[in-house]
Amino acid sequence: MTERVHESTIGAQSRMITVEIMGRPYSVPDGLTMLRAMWYTGHEVVRGAGCLGGFCGACAATYRTKDDVRLRNTLACQMLVEDGMSFFLNFSYYPNRKSIYDLDQISDPKQELFKIYPEASLCRNCNACTEACPQGIDVRDGVWKAVFGDFQKVSEMFMDCVMCGQCIPVCIADIAPNHVALYASRAHGARLTAPPQNLTRRVDEIRSGKYTDEWKKILSMSEEELKAAGQPSK
């Protein structure tokens, strides 16, 4: 995906600030996100642009603000540029191991974690993964909770994980915390939680054909009819 932010979309009164993109200084309008600042300056962002809503994790970026030596991670589609900021998109793909498993064939999901991701138990408590997370998730604590079998808590903690992978390269134990959390969340939902009764009943009704005629009627409606049907009754 590529885009060039045209000057006419910015506004004549926008204050110009100086940022450094991949080591080179540029003058850009204040109020742009990192990603839009890259488009404004002519960068062809092909890999690293996805949903633009902060959900897909494709635009993971590293930045440093003016007079601050600390490097921080963020999502470039969400973070606004600041004067004196230096940043780059993390274009690199991290070749982490993605295990293949069938939850229906696993007898003990909590113990199986140590077969699927045995490195999870080697966490050194360095907290680098938490520091790297642009979503503010306590990744280290989540890994430990997965190791001790608290899959429900892991699922809750990683609800905002966008699988950007920033926790992977900083781990000195070679853990992919996001994949560990994904397994724990899947196992909790599929094997360790009773199916919601209302959902189960509705799925059975759909499979039995209860709504087939109604669905055919909806598919045959025109766009105007669908809009009219969606209006609240007076």
C-alpha atoms as a PDB file:
ATOM      1  CA  MET A   1       0.000   0.000   0.000  1.00  0.00           C
ATOM      2  CA  THR A   2       1.365   3.401  -0.945  1.00  0.00           C
ATOM      3  CA  GLU A   3       0.005   6.893  -0.597  1.00  0.00           C
ATOM      4  CA  ARG A   4       1.276  10.438  -0.953  1.00  0.00           C
ATOM      5  CA  VAL A   5      -0.324  12.918   1.432  1.00  0.00           C
ATOM      6  CA  HIS A   6      -1.046  15.983  -0.666  1.00  0.00           C
ATOM      7  CA  GLU A   7      -0.366  19.405   0.772  1.00  0.00           C
ATOM      8  CA  SER A   8      -3.966  20.476   0.098  1.00  0.00           C
ATOM      9  CA  THR A   9      -5.208  17.952   2.658  1.00  0.00           C
ATOM     10  CA  ILE A  10      -3.091  19.435   5.432  1.00  0.00           C
ATOM     11  CA  GLY A  11      -4.241  23.036   5.618  1.00  0.00           C
ATOM     12  CA  ALA A  12      -2.359  26.245   4.997  1.00  0.00           C
ATOM     13  CA  GLN A  13      -2.126  27.118   8.685  1.00  0.00           C
ATOM     14  CA  SER A  14      -0.407  23.888   9.794  1.00  0.00           C
ATOM     15  CA  ARG A  15       2.771  24.458  11.770  1.00  0.00           C
ATOM     16  CA  MET A  16       5.792  22.787  10.226  1.00  0.00           C
ATOM     17  CA  ILE A  17       8.078  20.738  12.443  1.00  0.00           C
ATOM     18  CA  THR A  18      11.310  18.841  11.848  1.00  0.00           C
ATOM     19  CA  VAL A  19      11.498  15.081  12.242  1.00  0.00           C
ATOM     20  CA  GLU A  20      14.138  12.531  11.378  1.00  0.00           C
ATOM     21  CA  ILE A  21      12.935   9.541   9.360  1.00  0.00           C
ATOM     22  CA  MET A  22      15.444   6.715   9.066  1.00  0.00           C
ATOM     23  CA  GLY A  23      18.308   9.112   9.799  1.00  0.00           C
ATOM     24  CA  ARG A  24      17.336  11.910   7.434  1.00  0.00           C
ATOM     25  CA  PRO A  25      15.687  15.208   8.526  1.00  0.00           C
ATOM     26  CA  TYR A  26      12.382  16.297   6.989  1.00  0.00           C
ATOM     27  CA  SER A  27       9.979  19.188   7.494  1.00  0.00           C
ATOM     28  CA  VAL A  28       6.415  17.966   7.960  1.00  0.00           C
ATOM     29  CA  PRO A  29       3.124  19.492   9.178  1.00  0.00           C
ATOM     30  CA  ASP A  30       2.413  19.106  12.868  1.00  0.00           C
ATOM     31  CA  GLY A  31      -0.455  16.746  13.673  1.00  0.00           C
ATOM     32  CA  LEU A  32       0.428  13.940  11.263  1.00  0.00           C
ATOM     33  CA  THR A  33       0.883  10.364  12.373  1.00  0.00           C
ATOM     34  CA  MET A  34       4.265   8.796  11.742  1.00  0.00           C
ATOM     35  CA  LEU A  35       2.884   6.854   8.792  1.00  0.00           C
ATOM     36  CA  ARG A  36       1.287   9.892   7.178  1.00  0.00           C
ATOM     37  CA  ALA A  37       4.500  11.848   7.727  1.00  0.00           C
ATOM     38  CA  MET A  38       6.312   9.171   5.737  1.00  0.00           C
ATOM     39  CA  TRP A  39       3.768   9.429   2.943  1.00  0.00           C
ATOM     40  CA  TYR A  40       4.014  13.213   3.039  1.00  0.00           C
ATOM     41  CA  THR A  41       7.778  13.036   2.548  1.00  0.00           C
ATOM     42  CA  GLY A  42       7.472  10.625  -0.371  1.00  0.00           C
ATOM     43  CA  HIS A  43       8.390   7.346   1.295  1.00  0.00           C
ATOM     44  CA  GLU A  44       6.936   4.378  -0.545  1.00  0.00           C
ATOM     45  CA  VAL A  45       5.532   2.384   2.361  1.00  0.00           C
ATOM     46  CA  VAL A  46       4.599  -0.970   0.853  1.00  0.00           C
ATOM     47  CA  ARG A  47       5.249  -3.328   3.739  1.00  0.00           C
ATOM     48  CA  GLY A  48       4.322  -1.762   7.039  1.00  0.00           C
ATOM     49  CA  ALA A  49       0.884  -0.342   6.254  1.00  0.00           C
ATOM     50  CA  GLY A  50      -2.234  -2.316   7.042  1.00  0.00           C
ATOM     51  CA  CYS A  51      -5.540  -1.431   8.660  1.00  0.00           C
ATOM     52  CA  LEU A  52      -4.483   2.108   9.703  1.00  0.00           C
ATOM     53  CA  GLY A  53      -6.666   1.664  12.757  1.00  0.00           C
ATOM     54  CA  GLY A  54      -4.162   0.268  15.260  1.00  0.00           C
ATOM     55  CA  PHE A  55      -5.401  -3.322  15.066  1.00  0.00           C
ATOM     56  CA  CYS A  56      -3.238  -5.265  12.602  1.00  0.00           C
ATOM     57  CA  GLY A  57       0.222  -4.475  14.020  1.00  0.00           C
ATOM     58  CA  ALA A  58       1.816  -4.109  10.572  1.00  0.00           C
ATOM     59  CA  CYS A  59       3.234  -0.626  11.194  1.00  0.00           C
ATOM     60  CA  ALA A  60       5.318  -1.308  14.295  1.00  0.00           C
ATOM     61  CA  ALA A  61       7.841   1.498  14.699  1.00  0.00           C
ATOM     62  CA  THR A  62      10.715   2.542  16.948  1.00  0.00           C
ATOM     63  CA  TYR A  63      11.221   6.163  17.920  1.00  0.00           C
ATOM     64  CA  ARG A  64      13.084   8.551  20.156  1.00  0.00           C
ATOM     65  CA  THR A  65      11.785  11.965  21.173  1.00  0.00           C
ATOM     66  CA  LYS A  66      13.866  15.132  21.426  1.00  0.00           C
ATOM     67  CA  ASP A  67      16.302  15.173  24.385  1.00  0.00           C
ATOM     68  CA  ASP A  68      15.313  11.624  25.410  1.00  0.00           C
ATOM     69  CA  VAL A  69      17.868   8.845  24.960  1.00  0.00           C
ATOM     70  CA  ARG A  70      15.343   6.074  25.461  1.00  0.00           C
ATOM     71  CA  LEU A  71      14.057   4.119  22.456  1.00  0.00           C
ATOM     72  CA  ARG A  72      10.348   3.358  22.478  1.00  0.00           C
ATOM     73  CA  ASN A  73       8.020   1.249  20.354  1.00  0.00           C
ATOM     74  CA  THR A  74       4.660   2.240  18.945  1.00  0.00           C
ATOM     75  CA  LEU A  75       2.305   1.789  15.998  1.00  0.00           C
ATOM     76  CA  ALA A  76       3.091   4.326  13.279  1.00  0.00           C
ATOM     77  CA  CYS A  77      -0.555   4.736  12.248  1.00  0.00           C
ATOM     78  CA  GLN A  78      -1.452   5.896  15.768  1.00  0.00           C
ATOM     79  CA  MET A  79       1.531   7.909  17.024  1.00  0.00           C
ATOM     80  CA  LEU A  80       1.636  11.624  16.202  1.00  0.00           C
ATOM     81  CA  VAL A  81       4.978  13.120  15.243  1.00  0.00           C
ATOM     82  CA  GLU A  82       6.701  15.642  17.492  1.00  0.00           C
ATOM     83  CA  ASP A  83       9.298  18.256  16.702  1.00  0.00           C
ATOM     84  CA  GLY A  84      12.757  16.711  16.972  1.00  0.00           C
ATOM     85  CA  MET A  85      11.449  13.128  16.923  1.00  0.00           C
ATOM     86  CA  SER A  86      13.489  10.433  15.188  1.00  0.00           C
ATOM     87  CA  PHE A  87      11.814   7.216  14.035  1.00  0.00           C
ATOM     88  CA  PHE A  88      11.718   4.342  11.575  1.00  0.00           C
ATOM     89  CA  LEU A  89       9.346   1.533  10.676  1.00  0.00           C
ATOM     90  CA  ASN A  90      10.422  -1.937  11.743  1.00  0.00           C
ATOM     91  CA  PHE A  91      10.293  -3.489   8.301  1.00  0.00           C
ATOM     92  CA  SER A  92      12.148  -6.625   9.367  1.00  0.00           C
ATOM     93  CA  TYR A  93      10.307  -9.920   9.638  1.00  0.00           C
ATOM     94  CA  TYR A  94      11.281 -11.944  12.689  1.00  0.00           C
ATOM     95  CA  PRO A  95      11.632 -15.630  11.737  1.00  0.00           C
ATOM     96  CA  ASN A  96      10.074 -16.959  14.926  1.00  0.00           C
ATOM     97  CA  ARG A  97       8.888 -20.526  15.237  1.00  0.00           C
ATOM     98  CA  LYS A  98       5.144 -20.871  14.789  1.00  0.00           C
ATOM     99  CA  SER A  99       4.072 -24.232  16.112  1.00  0.00           C
ATOM    100  CA  ILE A 100       1.267 -26.165  14.473  1.00  0.00           C
ATOM    101  CA  TYR A 101      -1.183 -27.850  16.811  1.00  0.00           C
ATOM    102  CA  ASP A 102      -4.700 -29.262  16.855  1.00  0.00           C
ATOM    103  CA  LEU A 103      -6.502 -28.327  20.043  1.00  0.00           C
ATOM    104  CA  ASP A 104      -8.995 -31.147  19.561  1.00  0.00           C
ATOM    105  CA  GLN A 105      -6.140 -33.674  19.767  1.00  0.00           C
ATOM    106  CA  ILE A 106      -4.623 -32.258  22.965  1.00  0.00           C
ATOM    107  CA  SER A 107      -5.571 -34.045  26.173  1.00  0.00           C
ATOM    108  CA  ASP A 108      -4.073 -31.538  28.616  1.00  0.00           C
ATOM    109  CA  PRO A 109      -3.750 -28.036  27.062  1.00  0.00           C
ATOM    110  CA  LYS A 110      -1.821 -26.586  30.000  1.00  0.00           C
ATOM    111  CA  GLN A 111       0.840 -29.288  30.016  1.00  0.00           C
ATOM    112  CA  GLU A 112       1.002 -29.308  26.221  1.00  0.00           C
ATOM    113  CA  LEU A 113       2.324 -25.739  26.345  1.00  0.00           C
ATOM    114  CA  PHE A 114       5.697 -27.134  27.415  1.00  0.00           C
ATOM    115  CA  LYS A 115       5.817 -29.399  24.355  1.00  0.00           C
ATOM    116  CA  ILE A 116       4.654 -26.762  21.886  1.00  0.00           C
ATOM    117  CA  TYR A 117       6.641 -23.842  23.320  1.00  0.00           C
ATOM    118  CA  PRO A 118       9.188 -25.402  25.746  1.00  0.00           C
ATOM    119  CA  GLU A 119      11.235 -22.185  25.775  1.00  0.00           C
ATOM    120  CA  ALA A 120       8.377 -20.427  27.619  1.00  0.00           C
ATOM    121  CA  SER A 121       9.653 -21.830  30.919  1.00  0.00           C
ATOM    122  CA  LEU A 122      13.086 -20.264  30.308  1.00  0.00           C
ATOM    123  CA  CYS A 123      11.887 -16.675  30.841  1.00  0.00           C
ATOM    124  CA  ARG A 124      14.646 -14.689  32.613  1.00  0.00           C
ATOM    125  CA  ASN A 125      12.339 -11.995  34.024  1.00  0.00           C
ATOM    126  CA  CYS A 126      14.307  -9.268  32.217  1.00  0.00           C
ATOM    127  CA  ASN A 127      11.062  -7.469  31.280  1.00  0.00           C
ATOM    128  CA  ALA A 128      12.396  -6.458  27.849  1.00  0.00           C
ATOM    129  CA  CYS A 129       9.254  -7.817  26.192  1.00  0.00           C
ATOM    130  CA  THR A 130       7.024  -5.584  28.299  1.00  0.00           C
ATOM    131  CA  GLU A 131       9.178  -2.559  27.529  1.00  0.00           C
ATOM    132  CA  ALA A 132       8.944  -3.321  23.805  1.00  0.00           C
ATOM    133  CA  CYS A 133       5.158  -3.710  23.691  1.00  0.00           C
ATOM    134  CA  PRO A 134       3.467  -0.714  22.010  1.00  0.00           C
ATOM    135  CA  GLN A 135       0.125  -1.734  23.526  1.00  0.00           C
ATOM    136  CA  GLY A 136       1.300  -1.470  27.133  1.00  0.00           C
ATOM    137  CA  ILE A 137       0.731  -5.155  27.896  1.00  0.00           C
ATOM    138  CA  ASP A 138       2.618  -6.663  30.827  1.00  0.00           C
ATOM    139  CA  VAL A 139       4.061  -9.325  28.525  1.00  0.00           C
ATOM    140  CA  ARG A 140       6.487 -10.798  31.043  1.00  0.00           C
ATOM    141  CA  ASP A 141       3.732 -11.391  33.588  1.00  0.00           C
ATOM    142  CA  GLY A 142       1.585 -12.907  30.848  1.00  0.00           C
ATOM    143  CA  VAL A 143       4.275 -15.420  29.924  1.00  0.00           C
ATOM    144  CA  TRP A 144       4.660 -16.457  33.549  1.00  0.00           C
ATOM    145  CA  LYS A 145       0.903 -16.803  33.965  1.00  0.00           C
ATOM    146  CA  ALA A 146       0.855 -19.062  30.897  1.00  0.00           C
ATOM    147  CA  VAL A 147       3.656 -21.189  32.373  1.00  0.00           C
ATOM    148  CA  PHE A 148       1.701 -21.582  35.621  1.00  0.00           C
ATOM    149  CA  GLY A 149      -1.489 -22.454  33.760  1.00  0.00           C
ATOM    150  CA  ASP A 150      -3.574 -19.329  34.282  1.00  0.00           C
ATOM    151  CA  PHE A 151      -4.772 -19.296  30.686  1.00  0.00           C
ATOM    152  CA  GLN A 152      -7.875 -17.258  31.478  1.00  0.00           C
ATOM    153  CA  LYS A 153      -5.798 -14.384  32.818  1.00  0.00           C
ATOM    154  CA  VAL A 154      -3.435 -14.595  29.836  1.00  0.00           C
ATOM    155  CA  SER A 155      -6.407 -14.335  27.493  1.00  0.00           C
ATOM    156  CA  GLU A 156      -7.639 -11.239  29.298  1.00  0.00           C
ATOM    157  CA  MET A 157      -4.205  -9.591  29.447  1.00  0.00           C
ATOM    158  CA  PHE A 158      -3.470 -10.062  25.733  1.00  0.00           C
ATOM    159  CA  MET A 159      -6.847  -8.865  24.494  1.00  0.00           C
ATOM    160  CA  ASP A 160      -5.126  -5.804  22.986  1.00  0.00           C
ATOM    161  CA  CYS A 161      -2.219  -7.721  21.419  1.00  0.00           C
ATOM    162  CA  VAL A 162      -1.943  -6.899  17.699  1.00  0.00           C
ATOM    163  CA  MET A 163       0.764  -9.530  16.976  1.00  0.00           C
ATOM    164  CA  CYS A 164       3.260  -6.867  15.912  1.00  0.00           C
ATOM    165  CA  GLY A 165       6.096  -9.103  17.114  1.00  0.00           C
ATOM    166  CA  GLN A 166       8.112  -6.419  18.881  1.00  0.00           C
ATOM    167  CA  CYS A 167       8.438  -8.667  21.930  1.00  0.00           C
ATOM    168  CA  ILE A 168      10.224 -11.387  19.936  1.00  0.00           C
ATOM    169  CA  PRO A 169      13.664  -9.971  19.016  1.00  0.00           C
ATOM    170  CA  VAL A 170      14.291  -8.517  22.486  1.00  0.00           C
ATOM    171  CA  CYS A 171      13.767 -11.815  24.324  1.00  0.00           C
ATOM    172  CA  ILE A 172      17.065 -13.250  25.549  1.00  0.00           C
ATOM    173  CA  ALA A 173      15.409 -16.661  26.046  1.00  0.00           C
ATOM    174  CA  ASP A 174      14.225 -16.837  22.412  1.00  0.00           C
ATOM    175  CA  ILE A 175      10.561 -16.878  23.420  1.00  0.00           C
ATOM    176  CA  ALA A 176       7.846 -15.582  21.091  1.00  0.00           C
ATOM    177  CA  PRO A 177       5.568 -14.260  23.864  1.00  0.00           C
ATOM    178  CA  ASN A 178       2.769 -13.272  21.503  1.00  0.00           C
ATOM    179  CA  HIS A 179       2.524 -16.829  20.155  1.00  0.00           C
ATOM    180  CA  VAL A 180       2.609 -18.289  23.659  1.00  0.00           C
ATOM    181  CA  ALA A 181      -0.261 -15.989  24.609  1.00  0.00           C
ATOM    182  CA  LEU A 182      -2.151 -16.866  21.425  1.00  0.00           C
ATOM    183  CA  TYR A 183      -1.943 -20.568  22.239  1.00  0.00           C
ATOM    184  CA  ALA A 184      -3.095 -19.951  25.812  1.00  0.00           C
ATOM    185  CA  SER A 185      -6.027 -17.842  24.616  1.00  0.00           C
ATOM    186  CA  ARG A 186      -7.075 -20.395  22.020  1.00  0.00           C
ATOM    187  CA  ALA A 187      -6.797 -23.279  24.474  1.00  0.00           C
ATOM    188  CA  HIS A 188      -8.771 -21.393  27.094  1.00  0.00           C
ATOM    189  CA  GLY A 189     -11.597 -20.582  24.709  1.00  0.00           C
ATOM    190  CA  ALA A 190     -11.745 -23.924  22.930  1.00  0.00           C
ATOM    191  CA  ARG A 191     -11.000 -26.423  25.688  1.00  0.00           C
ATOM    192  CA  LEU A 192     -11.168 -24.832  29.113  1.00  0.00           C
ATOM    193  CA  THR A 193     -14.365 -22.784  28.875  1.00  0.00           C
ATOM    194  CA  ALA A 194     -17.916 -24.094  28.661  1.00  0.00           C
ATOM    195  CA  PRO A 195     -19.598 -22.981  25.402  1.00  0.00           C
ATOM    196  CA  PRO A 196     -22.164 -20.192  25.960  1.00  0.00           C
ATOM    197  CA  GLN A 197     -25.613 -21.794  26.020  1.00  0.00           C
ATOM    198  CA  ASN A 198     -27.265 -19.090  23.933  1.00  0.00           C
ATOM    199  CA  LEU A 199     -24.547 -19.272  21.275  1.00  0.00           C
ATOM    200  CA  THR A 200     -24.702 -23.066  21.140  1.00  0.00           C
ATOM    201  CA  ARG A 201     -28.488 -22.981  20.768  1.00  0.00           C
ATOM    202  CA  ARG A 202     -28.317 -20.382  17.984  1.00  0.00           C
ATOM    203  CA  VAL A 203     -25.668 -22.352  16.057  1.00  0.00           C
ATOM    204  CA  ASP A 204     -27.849 -25.457  16.284  1.00  0.00           C
ATOM    205  CA  GLU A 205     -30.819 -23.455  14.958  1.00  0.00           C
ATOM    206  CA  ILE A 206     -28.769 -22.202  12.006  1.00  0.00           C
ATOM    207  CA  ARG A 207     -27.544 -25.701  11.185  1.00  0.00           C
ATOM    208  CA  SER A 208     -31.103 -27.076  11.344  1.00  0.00           C
ATOM    209  CA  GLY A 209     -32.216 -24.571   8.666  1.00  0.00           C
ATOM    210  CA  LYS A 210     -34.466 -22.464  10.885  1.00  0.00           C
ATOM    211  CA  TYR A 211     -33.331 -19.220   9.235  1.00  0.00           C
ATOM    212  CA  THR A 212     -32.798 -20.463   5.670  1.00  0.00           C
ATOM    213  CA  ASP A 213     -35.920 -18.842   4.212  1.00  0.00           C
ATOM    214  CA  GLU A 214     -35.294 -15.565   6.013  1.00  0.00           C
ATOM    215  CA  TRP A 215     -31.681 -15.513   4.798  1.00  0.00           C
ATOM    216  CA  LYS A 216     -32.785 -16.138   1.194  1.00  0.00           C
ATOM    217  CA  LYS A 217     -35.210 -13.238   1.511  1.00  0.00           C
ATOM    218  CA  ILE A 218     -32.443 -10.930   2.723  1.00  0.00           C
ATOM    219  CA  LEU A 219     -30.124 -11.958  -0.121  1.00  0.00           C
ATOM    220  CA  SER A 220     -32.814 -11.177  -2.678  1.00  0.00           C
ATOM    221  CA  MET A 221     -33.454  -7.636  -1.372  1.00  0.00           C
ATOM    222  CA  SER A 222     -32.127  -4.576  -3.167  1.00  0.00           C
ATOM    223  CA  GLU A 223     -29.843  -2.045  -1.472  1.00  0.00           C
ATOM    224  CA  GLU A 224     -32.798   0.348  -1.010  1.00  0.00           C
ATOM    225  CA  GLU A 225     -34.906  -2.395   0.558  1.00  0.00           C
ATOM    226  CA  LEU A 226     -32.088  -3.328   2.920  1.00  0.00           C
ATOM    227  CA  LYS A 227     -31.680   0.296   4.017  1.00  0.00           C
ATOM    228  CA  ALA A 228     -35.432   0.597   4.591  1.00  0.00           C
ATOM    229  CA  ALA A 229     -35.510  -2.634   6.574  1.00  0.00           C
ATOM    230  CA  GLY A 230     -32.691  -1.370   8.772  1.00  0.00           C
ATOM    231  CA  GLN A 231     -34.526   1.785   9.767  1.00  0.00           C
ATOM    232  CA  PRO A 232     -36.096   1.773  13.243  1.00  0.00           C
ATOM    233  CA  SER A 233     -39.841   1.398  13.207  1.00  0.00           C
ATOM    234  CA  LYS A 234     -41.809   4.530  14.152  1.00  0.00           C
END
